[in-house]
Protein backbone atom coordinates (compact mmCIF):
# COMPACT_ATOMS: atom_id res chain seq x y z
CA MET A 1 -96.19 59.82 -1.79
CA THR A 2 -92.68 58.26 -1.93
CA ARG A 3 -90.92 58.24 -5.26
CA THR A 4 -89.52 54.95 -6.48
CA GLY A 5 -85.75 54.70 -5.82
CA ASP A 6 -85.63 57.57 -3.29
CA PRO A 7 -84.12 56.65 0.11
CA ASP A 8 -86.54 56.53 3.00
CA VAL A 9 -86.11 58.32 6.31
CA ALA A 10 -84.49 55.33 7.99
CA GLU A 11 -81.81 55.13 5.33
CA LEU A 12 -81.14 58.87 5.59
CA MET A 13 -80.84 58.60 9.35
CA ALA A 14 -78.45 55.68 8.99
CA GLN A 15 -76.33 57.63 6.51
CA LEU A 16 -76.37 60.63 8.83
CA ALA A 17 -75.29 58.48 11.77
CA ALA A 18 -72.53 56.89 9.69
CA SER A 19 -71.32 60.32 8.58
CA ALA A 20 -71.37 61.57 12.17
CA ALA A 21 -69.39 58.54 13.32
CA GLU A 22 -66.91 59.05 10.50
CA ILE A 23 -66.54 62.73 11.38
CA ALA A 24 -66.01 61.84 15.06
CA ALA A 25 -63.41 59.25 14.09
CA LEU A 26 -61.63 61.76 11.86
CA LYS A 27 -61.68 64.34 14.66
CA ALA A 28 -60.26 61.81 17.10
CA GLU A 29 -57.60 60.86 14.56
CA LYS A 30 -56.79 64.52 14.01
CA GLU A 31 -56.45 65.11 17.76
CA ALA A 32 -54.23 62.05 18.09
CA LEU A 33 -52.09 63.22 15.19
CA SER A 34 -51.91 66.72 16.69
CA ARG A 35 -50.70 65.27 19.98
CA ARG A 36 -48.23 63.13 18.06
CA VAL A 37 -46.93 66.22 16.25
CA VAL A 38 -46.53 68.06 19.56
CA LYS A 39 -44.62 65.13 21.03
CA LEU A 40 -42.35 64.80 17.98
CA GLU A 41 -41.69 68.55 17.97
CA GLU A 42 -40.69 68.29 21.64
CA GLU A 43 -38.37 65.37 20.92
CA LEU A 44 -36.82 67.27 18.01
CA ALA A 45 -36.29 70.38 20.15
CA LEU A 46 -34.66 68.31 22.90
CA ALA A 47 -32.48 66.46 20.39
CA ARG A 48 -31.22 69.77 19.03
CA LEU A 49 -30.55 71.05 22.54
CA HIS A 50 -28.64 67.90 23.50
CA ARG A 51 -26.53 68.23 20.38
CA PHE A 52 -25.85 71.96 20.24
CA ALA A 53 -26.86 73.65 23.52
CA PRO A 54 -24.99 73.61 26.84
CA ARG A 55 -25.77 70.51 28.91
CA SER A 56 -25.71 72.35 32.24
CA GLU A 57 -29.03 73.35 33.74
CA LYS A 58 -27.62 76.87 34.05
CA HIS A 59 -28.97 77.13 30.51
CA VAL A 60 -32.42 77.23 32.12
CA ASP A 61 -31.65 80.60 33.70
CA ARG A 62 -31.20 82.09 30.25
CA LEU A 63 -34.55 80.61 29.24
CA PHE A 64 -36.09 82.38 32.24
CA ASN A 65 -34.72 85.71 31.07
CA GLU A 66 -35.93 85.17 27.53
CA ALA A 67 -39.36 84.19 28.81
CA GLU A 68 -39.76 87.48 30.63
CA GLU A 69 -39.08 89.38 27.40
CA ALA A 70 -41.10 87.26 24.97
CA ALA A 71 -43.65 84.79 26.30
CA ASP A 72 -45.50 82.66 23.76
CA GLU A 73 -48.98 84.15 24.09
CA ASN A 74 -50.50 81.81 21.48
CA ASP A 75 -49.52 78.72 23.46
CA PRO A 76 -52.65 77.09 24.91
CA ASP A 77 -50.70 76.15 28.04
CA HIS A 78 -49.84 79.77 28.71
CA GLY A 79 -52.57 81.79 30.31
CA ASP A 80 -53.71 82.77 33.73
CA ASP A 81 -52.09 79.74 35.44
CA VAL A 82 -49.63 81.91 37.32
CA ALA A 83 -49.24 81.61 41.07
CA ASP A 84 -47.32 83.89 43.39
CA LEU A 85 -44.83 82.31 45.76
CA PRO A 86 -46.02 82.56 49.37
CA ASP A 87 -44.11 84.95 51.59
CA THR A 88 -42.82 82.83 54.48
CA GLY A 89 -40.43 85.42 55.85
CA LEU A 90 -37.39 83.64 54.48
CA PRO A 91 -34.34 85.77 55.31
CA ALA A 92 -32.56 87.37 52.39
CA VAL A 93 -29.06 86.04 51.83
CA ASP A 94 -26.21 88.11 50.47
CA SER A 95 -24.75 86.75 47.27
CA ALA A 96 -21.54 84.84 47.78
CA ALA A 97 -18.34 86.65 47.06
CA GLY A 98 -16.62 85.61 43.86
CA LYS A 99 -13.44 83.59 43.83
CA LYS A 100 -10.27 85.53 44.39
CA ARG A 101 -8.22 86.04 41.28
CA GLY A 102 -4.56 85.26 41.06
CA ARG A 103 -2.33 82.25 41.40
CA ARG A 104 -3.01 79.90 44.28
CA PRO A 105 -0.07 79.15 46.57
CA LEU A 106 1.34 75.64 46.38
CA PRO A 107 0.24 73.30 49.21
CA VAL A 108 2.35 73.73 52.33
CA ASP A 109 2.52 69.97 52.94
CA LEU A 110 4.48 69.31 49.74
CA PRO A 111 8.19 68.70 50.38
CA ARG A 112 10.49 71.58 49.41
CA GLU A 113 13.85 71.18 47.68
CA ARG A 114 16.16 74.19 47.50
CA VAL A 115 17.77 74.92 44.16
CA GLU A 116 20.30 77.74 44.75
CA TYR A 117 21.61 80.15 42.16
CA ASP A 118 24.63 82.32 43.01
CA LEU A 119 26.65 84.92 41.15
CA PRO A 120 30.09 84.00 39.83
CA GLU A 121 32.90 85.48 41.93
CA ALA A 122 33.76 87.94 39.16
CA GLN A 123 30.26 89.43 39.31
CA LYS A 124 30.33 89.98 43.09
CA ALA A 125 32.34 93.18 42.69
CA CYS A 126 30.41 96.44 43.13
CA PRO A 127 29.79 98.10 39.74
CA CYS A 128 30.20 101.54 41.40
CA CYS A 129 33.37 101.27 43.53
CA ASN A 130 34.63 97.82 42.54
CA GLY A 131 34.52 96.75 46.21
CA GLN A 132 33.49 93.27 47.34
CA MET A 133 29.70 92.91 47.80
CA HIS A 134 28.16 90.89 50.66
CA ARG A 135 25.03 88.74 50.52
CA MET A 136 22.10 90.68 52.00
CA GLY A 137 19.27 88.18 51.47
CA GLU A 138 17.61 86.00 48.88
CA ALA A 139 14.67 86.05 46.48
CA VAL A 140 12.59 82.87 46.60
CA THR A 141 10.08 81.73 44.00
CA GLU A 142 8.35 78.35 43.93
CA GLN A 143 7.61 76.03 41.03
CA LEU A 144 5.71 72.76 40.96
CA HIS A 145 7.89 69.82 39.93
CA ILE A 146 6.35 66.44 39.12
CA GLU A 147 8.25 63.40 37.93
CA VAL A 148 7.14 59.82 37.36
CA LYS A 149 9.70 57.24 38.38
CA ALA A 150 9.68 53.47 38.17
CA LYS A 151 12.16 51.37 40.08
CA VAL A 152 12.76 47.69 40.74
CA LEU A 153 12.64 46.42 44.31
CA GLN A 154 15.14 43.62 44.82
CA ASN A 155 13.76 41.49 47.62
CA VAL A 156 16.92 40.03 49.16
CA ARG A 157 16.25 37.18 51.59
CA PHE A 158 19.34 36.24 53.57
CA LYS A 159 20.14 32.55 53.99
CA TYR A 160 21.70 31.05 57.11
CA ALA A 161 23.47 27.72 57.59
CA CYS A 162 25.33 26.04 60.48
CA ARG A 163 29.10 25.70 59.92
CA HIS A 164 29.37 23.00 62.59
CA CYS A 165 26.72 20.84 60.93
CA ASP A 166 28.28 21.60 57.59
CA ARG A 167 31.58 20.10 58.82
CA THR A 168 30.35 17.22 60.90
CA GLY A 169 26.74 16.49 60.07
CA ILE A 170 25.12 14.56 57.31
CA ASN A 171 22.26 17.05 56.95
CA THR A 172 22.99 20.78 56.81
CA PRO A 173 19.90 22.93 57.63
CA VAL A 174 19.44 26.16 55.67
CA VAL A 175 17.13 28.88 57.01
CA ILE A 176 15.93 31.71 54.72
CA ALA A 177 14.54 34.98 56.05
CA PRO A 178 10.79 35.11 55.35
CA MET A 179 9.25 37.72 53.09
CA PRO A 180 5.94 39.44 53.93
CA PRO A 181 2.96 37.98 52.02
CA GLN A 182 2.44 39.81 48.73
CA PRO A 183 -0.88 41.03 47.26
CA LEU A 184 -0.54 38.79 44.21
CA PRO A 185 1.98 36.00 44.88
CA GLY A 186 4.25 35.37 41.91
CA SER A 187 3.40 38.72 40.32
CA ILE A 188 5.95 41.46 39.66
CA ALA A 189 3.48 44.08 40.92
CA THR A 190 3.87 45.56 44.39
CA ALA A 191 0.99 47.04 46.35
CA SER A 192 2.03 50.48 45.10
CA THR A 193 1.99 49.33 41.46
CA LEU A 194 -1.43 47.74 41.86
CA ALA A 195 -2.75 50.90 43.49
CA PHE A 196 -1.33 53.01 40.66
CA ALA A 197 -3.13 50.90 38.02
CA LEU A 198 -6.42 50.79 39.94
CA VAL A 199 -6.51 54.55 40.54
CA HIS A 200 -5.74 55.29 36.88
CA LYS A 201 -8.63 53.13 35.71
CA TYR A 202 -11.27 53.70 38.35
CA VAL A 203 -10.59 57.23 39.56
CA ASP A 204 -9.19 58.87 36.43
CA GLY A 205 -11.37 56.84 34.04
CA THR A 206 -8.42 55.66 31.94
CA PRO A 207 -8.94 52.44 29.93
CA LEU A 208 -6.39 49.69 30.54
CA TYR A 209 -4.80 50.00 27.12
CA ARG A 210 -3.96 53.62 27.92
CA VAL A 211 -2.67 52.62 31.35
CA ALA A 212 -0.39 50.18 29.51
CA GLN A 213 0.83 53.08 27.38
CA THR A 214 1.58 55.05 30.56
CA PHE A 215 3.74 52.20 31.86
CA LYS A 216 5.50 51.95 28.52
CA ARG A 217 6.39 55.66 28.58
CA ALA A 218 7.91 55.07 32.02
CA GLY A 219 10.12 52.41 30.46
CA VAL A 220 8.15 49.41 31.72
CA PRO A 221 6.27 47.51 28.99
CA ILE A 222 3.25 45.90 30.67
CA SER A 223 0.61 44.21 28.55
CA ARG A 224 -3.07 45.04 28.81
CA GLY A 225 -3.72 41.41 29.78
CA ALA A 226 -1.32 41.65 32.71
CA LEU A 227 -3.03 44.82 33.89
CA ALA A 228 -6.43 43.12 33.66
CA HIS A 229 -5.03 40.24 35.75
CA TRP A 230 -3.82 42.72 38.37
CA VAL A 231 -7.20 44.46 38.50
CA ILE A 232 -9.32 41.32 38.74
CA GLY A 233 -6.82 39.59 41.03
CA SER A 234 -6.85 42.49 43.50
CA SER A 235 -10.64 42.74 43.46
CA GLU A 236 -11.17 38.99 43.90
CA LYS A 237 -8.40 38.18 46.38
CA HIS A 238 -8.40 41.07 48.84
CA LEU A 239 -10.75 43.99 48.23
CA PRO A 240 -14.05 42.09 48.67
CA ARG A 241 -13.21 41.83 52.37
CA ILE A 242 -13.38 45.62 52.62
CA TYR A 243 -16.47 45.72 50.38
CA ASP A 244 -18.35 43.17 52.51
CA ALA A 245 -17.46 45.03 55.71
CA LEU A 246 -18.76 48.28 54.22
CA ARG A 247 -21.95 46.56 53.12
CA LEU A 248 -22.65 45.41 56.69
CA ARG A 249 -22.02 48.93 57.99
CA LEU A 250 -24.32 50.37 55.30
CA ARG A 251 -27.25 48.19 56.38
CA SER A 252 -27.06 49.72 59.86
CA GLN A 253 -27.25 53.30 58.57
CA PRO A 254 -30.44 55.23 59.45
CA LEU A 255 -30.73 56.54 55.89
CA ILE A 256 -29.70 55.03 52.54
CA HIS A 257 -29.77 56.58 49.08
CA GLY A 258 -30.55 54.19 46.22
CA ASP A 259 -30.36 54.44 42.44
CA GLU A 260 -29.31 52.40 39.41
CA THR A 261 -27.53 52.98 36.10
CA THR A 262 -26.86 50.90 33.03
CA VAL A 263 -23.78 48.94 32.00
CA GLN A 264 -23.15 46.68 29.00
CA VAL A 265 -21.52 43.26 29.44
CA LEU A 266 -20.55 41.40 26.28
CA LYS A 267 -20.30 37.86 27.66
CA GLU A 268 -23.21 37.63 30.09
CA LYS A 269 -24.72 34.17 30.49
CA ASN A 270 -28.08 33.76 28.70
CA LYS A 271 -28.02 37.36 27.44
CA GLU A 272 -27.24 39.06 24.14
CA ALA A 273 -24.05 41.10 23.92
CA THR A 274 -26.14 44.20 23.15
CA SER A 275 -28.44 43.74 26.14
CA THR A 276 -28.46 46.05 29.14
CA SER A 277 -27.27 45.16 32.62
CA TYR A 278 -27.27 47.37 35.71
CA MET A 279 -25.10 48.83 38.41
CA TRP A 280 -27.22 49.32 41.51
CA ALA A 281 -25.88 52.14 43.68
CA TYR A 282 -26.24 52.69 47.44
CA ARG A 283 -24.98 55.47 49.70
CA SER A 284 -25.13 56.54 53.32
CA SER A 285 -26.42 60.01 54.15
CA GLU A 286 -24.35 63.10 53.46
CA ASP A 287 -23.88 63.85 57.17
CA SER A 288 -23.07 60.25 58.16
CA ASN A 289 -20.00 59.64 60.31
CA GLU A 290 -19.33 56.61 58.13
CA PRO A 291 -19.61 57.75 54.49
CA ILE A 292 -20.17 54.68 52.31
CA VAL A 293 -20.82 54.38 48.56
CA LEU A 294 -21.36 50.92 47.07
CA LEU A 295 -22.09 49.66 43.56
CA ASP A 296 -23.55 46.21 42.95
CA TYR A 297 -23.49 44.64 39.48
CA GLN A 298 -26.60 42.70 38.48
CA PRO A 299 -27.82 41.45 35.09
CA GLY A 300 -31.33 42.84 35.58
CA ARG A 301 -33.47 45.55 37.14
CA GLY A 302 -35.82 43.44 39.22
CA GLN A 303 -36.77 44.10 42.83
CA ILE A 304 -34.89 41.00 44.00
CA HIS A 305 -31.55 42.77 43.58
CA PRO A 306 -31.96 45.65 46.09
CA GLN A 307 -33.84 43.31 48.43
CA THR A 308 -30.94 40.86 48.43
CA PHE A 309 -28.35 43.60 48.87
CA LEU A 310 -30.05 45.49 51.71
CA GLY A 311 -31.85 42.57 53.33
CA LYS A 312 -34.72 43.55 55.62
CA TYR A 313 -33.77 47.21 55.80
CA ARG A 314 -36.07 49.26 58.02
CA GLY A 315 -34.59 52.75 57.82
CA ILE A 316 -35.16 55.72 55.52
CA LEU A 317 -34.78 54.96 51.81
CA MET A 318 -34.27 57.89 49.40
CA THR A 319 -34.93 56.85 45.79
CA ASP A 320 -36.65 57.91 42.59
CA GLY A 321 -40.10 56.66 41.60
CA TYR A 322 -38.96 53.26 40.32
CA THR A 323 -41.26 50.62 41.84
CA ALA A 324 -38.51 48.10 42.70
CA TRP A 325 -37.31 50.40 45.49
CA ARG A 326 -40.79 50.73 46.99
CA THR A 327 -41.01 47.00 47.73
CA PHE A 328 -39.21 47.46 51.08
CA ASP A 329 -42.29 47.24 53.30
CA GLY A 330 -40.58 48.20 56.54
CA ALA A 331 -38.64 51.18 55.16
CA THR A 332 -39.71 54.83 55.14
CA HIS A 333 -39.66 55.90 51.50
CA VAL A 334 -38.68 59.41 50.39
CA GLY A 335 -38.90 60.71 46.82
CA CYS A 336 -36.33 62.73 44.91
CA MET A 337 -37.41 66.31 44.27
CA ALA A 338 -34.66 66.72 41.68
CA HIS A 339 -36.32 64.08 39.48
CA SER A 340 -39.53 66.11 39.48
CA ARG A 341 -37.70 69.37 38.82
CA ARG A 342 -35.75 67.78 35.97
CA ARG A 343 -38.97 66.91 34.17
CA PHE A 344 -40.07 70.54 34.21
CA VAL A 345 -36.62 71.54 32.95
CA GLU A 346 -37.14 69.22 29.97
CA ALA A 347 -40.60 70.72 29.42
CA LEU A 348 -39.17 74.24 29.46
CA LYS A 349 -36.52 73.34 26.91
CA THR A 350 -39.17 72.25 24.41
CA ARG A 351 -40.86 75.65 24.33
CA LYS A 352 -39.82 78.11 21.65
CA ASN A 353 -39.82 81.16 23.89
CA GLY A 354 -39.62 79.54 27.29
CA GLY A 355 -42.03 80.76 29.94
CA GLY A 356 -45.42 79.26 30.68
CA PRO A 357 -46.19 76.57 33.25
CA PRO A 358 -42.72 74.98 33.21
CA GLU A 359 -41.15 78.25 34.26
CA GLN A 360 -43.76 78.76 36.96
CA ALA A 361 -43.08 75.29 38.36
CA LEU A 362 -39.33 75.84 38.34
CA ARG A 363 -39.76 78.99 40.40
CA PHE A 364 -41.42 76.88 43.09
CA PHE A 365 -38.51 74.45 43.01
CA GLU A 366 -36.02 77.31 43.08
CA GLN A 367 -37.60 78.59 46.29
CA LEU A 368 -37.62 75.11 47.86
CA TYR A 369 -33.91 74.68 47.19
CA ARG A 370 -33.17 78.18 48.47
CA ILE A 371 -34.85 77.17 51.74
CA GLU A 372 -32.75 73.98 51.88
CA LYS A 373 -29.54 75.94 51.47
CA GLN A 374 -30.42 78.20 54.37
CA ALA A 375 -31.54 75.23 56.48
CA ARG A 376 -28.12 73.60 56.09
CA ASP A 377 -26.39 76.79 57.19
CA LYS A 378 -28.72 77.47 60.12
CA LYS A 379 -27.38 76.76 63.60
CA PRO A 380 -29.69 74.85 65.98
CA GLU A 381 -30.99 76.55 69.08
CA ALA A 382 -30.00 75.51 72.60
CA GLY A 383 -31.07 71.93 73.32
CA GLU A 384 -32.01 71.36 69.68
CA THR A 385 -30.38 68.90 67.28
CA GLN A 386 -29.54 69.82 63.71
CA SER A 387 -32.29 67.46 62.57
CA ASP A 388 -34.87 69.23 64.75
CA CYS A 389 -33.64 72.58 63.46
CA ASN A 390 -34.03 71.44 59.85
CA ARG A 391 -37.56 70.18 60.48
CA ARG A 392 -38.65 73.38 62.20
CA PHE A 393 -37.19 75.53 59.41
CA ARG A 394 -38.86 73.43 56.72
CA GLN A 395 -42.24 73.50 58.46
CA GLN A 396 -42.04 77.27 58.60
CA HIS A 397 -40.83 77.95 55.07
CA SER A 398 -41.06 74.85 52.84
CA LEU A 399 -44.56 73.71 53.81
CA PRO A 400 -46.35 76.86 52.54
CA VAL A 401 -44.43 76.69 49.25
CA LEU A 402 -45.33 73.01 48.81
CA ASN A 403 -48.99 73.73 49.54
CA ALA A 404 -49.00 76.47 46.91
CA LEU A 405 -47.26 74.18 44.42
CA LYS A 406 -49.84 71.42 45.04
CA SER A 407 -52.75 73.81 44.46
CA TRP A 408 -51.15 75.06 41.27
CA LEU A 409 -50.56 71.51 40.00
CA ASP A 410 -54.15 70.47 40.76
CA ASN A 411 -55.39 73.51 38.85
CA ILE A 412 -53.23 72.97 35.78
CA ALA A 413 -53.41 69.16 35.56
CA PRO A 414 -56.73 69.01 33.62
CA LYS A 415 -55.47 71.59 31.11
CA VAL A 416 -52.21 70.00 29.97
CA VAL A 417 -51.86 67.46 27.17
CA PRO A 418 -50.94 64.17 28.87
CA ASP A 419 -48.53 62.82 26.26
CA THR A 420 -46.13 65.78 26.42
CA LYS A 421 -43.13 66.70 28.52
CA LEU A 422 -45.25 69.09 30.58
CA GLY A 423 -47.98 66.49 31.01
CA ASP A 424 -45.39 63.95 32.13
CA ALA A 425 -43.88 66.41 34.62
CA VAL A 426 -47.24 67.30 36.16
CA SER A 427 -48.37 63.67 36.29
CA TYR A 428 -45.11 62.44 37.86
CA THR A 429 -45.11 65.14 40.52
CA LEU A 430 -48.73 64.53 41.54
CA ASN A 431 -48.32 60.74 41.55
CA GLN A 432 -45.19 60.95 43.72
CA TRP A 433 -46.42 63.82 45.90
CA ASP A 434 -46.55 61.94 49.22
CA TYR A 435 -42.97 60.69 48.73
CA LEU A 436 -41.65 64.02 47.43
CA THR A 437 -42.97 66.02 50.38
CA ARG A 438 -42.14 63.56 53.16
CA TYR A 439 -38.76 65.21 53.76
CA ILE A 440 -40.34 68.16 55.59
CA SER A 441 -41.52 65.81 58.38
CA ASP A 442 -38.02 64.62 59.34
CA GLY A 443 -34.93 66.81 59.43
CA ARG A 444 -32.68 63.84 58.65
CA MET A 445 -34.26 63.35 55.24
CA PRO A 446 -32.69 65.09 52.23
CA ILE A 447 -34.73 66.85 49.58
CA ASP A 448 -33.25 64.84 46.73
CA ASN A 449 -30.95 62.04 45.65
CA ASN A 450 -28.35 64.30 44.03
CA ILE A 451 -25.49 63.24 46.29
CA LEU A 452 -25.68 59.66 44.98
CA GLU A 453 -26.21 60.81 41.41
CA ARG A 454 -22.96 62.77 41.63
CA ASP A 455 -21.20 59.58 42.73
CA ILE A 456 -22.75 57.63 39.86
CA ARG A 457 -21.47 60.29 37.48
CA VAL A 458 -17.91 59.15 38.23
CA PHE A 459 -18.84 55.66 37.03
CA ALA A 460 -20.67 57.09 34.01
CA THR A 461 -17.60 59.15 33.04
CA GLY A 462 -15.42 56.06 33.14
CA ARG A 463 -18.03 54.13 31.16
CA LYS A 464 -17.66 56.62 28.30
CA SER A 465 -14.01 55.61 28.04
CA TRP A 466 -14.21 51.83 28.35
CA LEU A 467 -17.80 51.54 26.97
CA PHE A 468 -18.48 48.00 28.25
CA SER A 469 -17.24 45.13 30.39
CA ASP A 470 -16.09 41.98 28.64
CA THR A 471 -17.34 39.51 31.25
CA ALA A 472 -19.63 39.43 34.26
CA ASP A 473 -16.59 38.79 36.49
CA GLY A 474 -15.01 41.96 35.13
CA ALA A 475 -18.19 43.93 35.83
CA LYS A 476 -18.31 42.59 39.41
CA ALA A 477 -14.65 43.49 39.90
CA SER A 478 -15.36 46.99 38.61
CA ALA A 479 -18.28 47.31 41.03
CA VAL A 480 -16.05 46.42 43.99
CA ILE A 481 -13.22 48.78 43.05
CA TYR A 482 -15.49 51.68 42.06
CA SER A 483 -17.25 51.28 45.41
CA LEU A 484 -14.01 51.59 47.36
CA MET A 485 -12.78 54.53 45.29
CA LEU A 486 -16.09 56.38 45.69
CA THR A 487 -16.11 55.67 49.42
CA CYS A 488 -12.59 57.11 49.68
CA ARG A 489 -13.81 60.19 47.86
CA ALA A 490 -16.79 60.54 50.21
CA CYS A 491 -14.43 60.25 53.21
CA GLY A 492 -11.91 62.74 51.82
CA VAL A 493 -9.22 60.04 51.66
CA ASP A 494 -6.58 59.90 48.93
CA PRO A 495 -7.41 56.63 47.12
CA LEU A 496 -3.81 55.97 46.07
CA THR A 497 -2.48 56.25 49.63
CA TRP A 498 -5.36 54.15 50.98
CA LEU A 499 -4.96 51.39 48.39
CA ARG A 500 -1.21 51.16 49.02
CA HIS A 501 -1.87 50.67 52.71
CA VAL A 502 -4.76 48.21 52.30
CA LEU A 503 -3.05 46.05 49.66
CA THR A 504 -0.01 45.86 51.93
CA GLU A 505 -1.98 45.02 55.09
CA LEU A 506 -4.64 42.61 53.86
CA PRO A 507 -2.27 39.85 52.63
CA GLN A 508 -0.79 39.70 56.14
CA ARG A 509 -4.16 39.14 57.87
CA GLU A 510 -6.17 35.96 58.16
CA ASN A 511 -9.35 35.85 56.10
CA ALA A 512 -11.48 35.91 59.26
CA ALA A 513 -9.53 38.82 60.79
CA ASP A 514 -11.26 42.12 61.47
CA VAL A 515 -10.65 44.81 58.84
CA GLY A 516 -12.55 47.63 60.53
CA ASP A 517 -9.43 49.76 60.94
CA LEU A 518 -8.86 49.61 57.16
CA LEU A 519 -12.24 51.07 56.21
CA PRO A 520 -11.76 54.49 54.58
CA PHE A 521 -13.57 56.50 57.27
CA ASN A 522 -11.45 54.87 60.00
CA PHE A 523 -8.29 55.25 57.92
CA SER A 524 -8.91 58.99 57.69
CA LYS A 525 -9.30 59.22 61.48
CA LYS A 526 -6.08 57.26 61.99
CA SER A 527 -4.26 59.50 59.51
CA GLU A 528 -5.46 62.62 61.33
CA ALA A 529 -4.31 61.19 64.65
């Protein structure tokens, strides 16, 4: 018999179901909050490291050592997920000898100027017998002497007239000796002065107002506006001819590195001053006979920009995992192993005691890079190219390590929390696996994109000084000049010497004239000859 007012079975079941649903929702919320806490703790740990710890990844080695002494046993990620590196018979390499201590001798190609010091005649008498001493030799020491000089070139153009016509004629012709075309007609700046300003800004990373201070200390007050006119004038009037020639050469390279970095432009059409624009970067391979590094300013990060720059490129394209690069249908795409490794470095930094899966992953990467170092130093066998030698060495040593890494990643992937640094590292590596491992199939392919990232670092260092570009034209000018300076660096050419030569030669050539001999890699060959 059911009492009046008591709930029936259906109501109790409904309440039970509602309670179960509420408990499940609370558990899900708790798990989400726990993951959120883990993520925030990781971000806090990384923020502290970025602020107080060394930026170099050498810091990771110390984390390795600490991990061996005190692994975090309570960490759910740390357990039996440890894999031994396969023994591929990789030869042991002796550690490189340290740098020799002591002062380096001054370069032999620097000009020498003798400054002689002699004894007064009164001191040339022997202190023992008071006889006259003779000179038996000399003691020579060398010092480095640097001086900055500014001088004014007076361009004197001689005039000629005819005395006969002057006496008898109505019209007296006057002929003036011509002057070679100047880089910036009407400007007081010579090619050497323009080169000096460009190198200070784009090689040394000095803002124009500080370059103006340098001129002032040399006794030549030049305004920042005049310097900006020199920079933009040079980049618009002459240097794009070199840039365009390099771009055509780059498109014919068998391998191109690609990446992008940010830049802020205050007065960009249809964009806020605080918005982000991009410098797209391109580079030929490290072993190319024509080293080329080019930057291309664009207001956005869409796929249209690399497609327009490279056209229908069909070679090997080394990039990170950004999808805009993968839209080149005819290209062979290779992924950057350093991007994957860097994610595990970030994951390791978030752990209190180091160790665990991030350390295990980094040991795989360490072995892969050790193999690459030996592959670069290995001499090809008879009838074998360096590319074939690299491929054979990688197939023997890198392939087993990659197979072991893939098995380890597949095993650990279901166990890691997705929304963490470790989860991101594992997910990225597995998603990009085909691209990351493609380098072992072709000896021409590099393992990573680090060579271009080192070039971009020069631009990033300068960006810390000047912070932003005022206009889009200024950003485009910077892209042209940075490209030429970075290409000079890749070719081992002194940018100041090269710019002096180019800014002297280009004004004397027709716009349609060939400039191949002025390209940095050809300039270096001509200088050596």
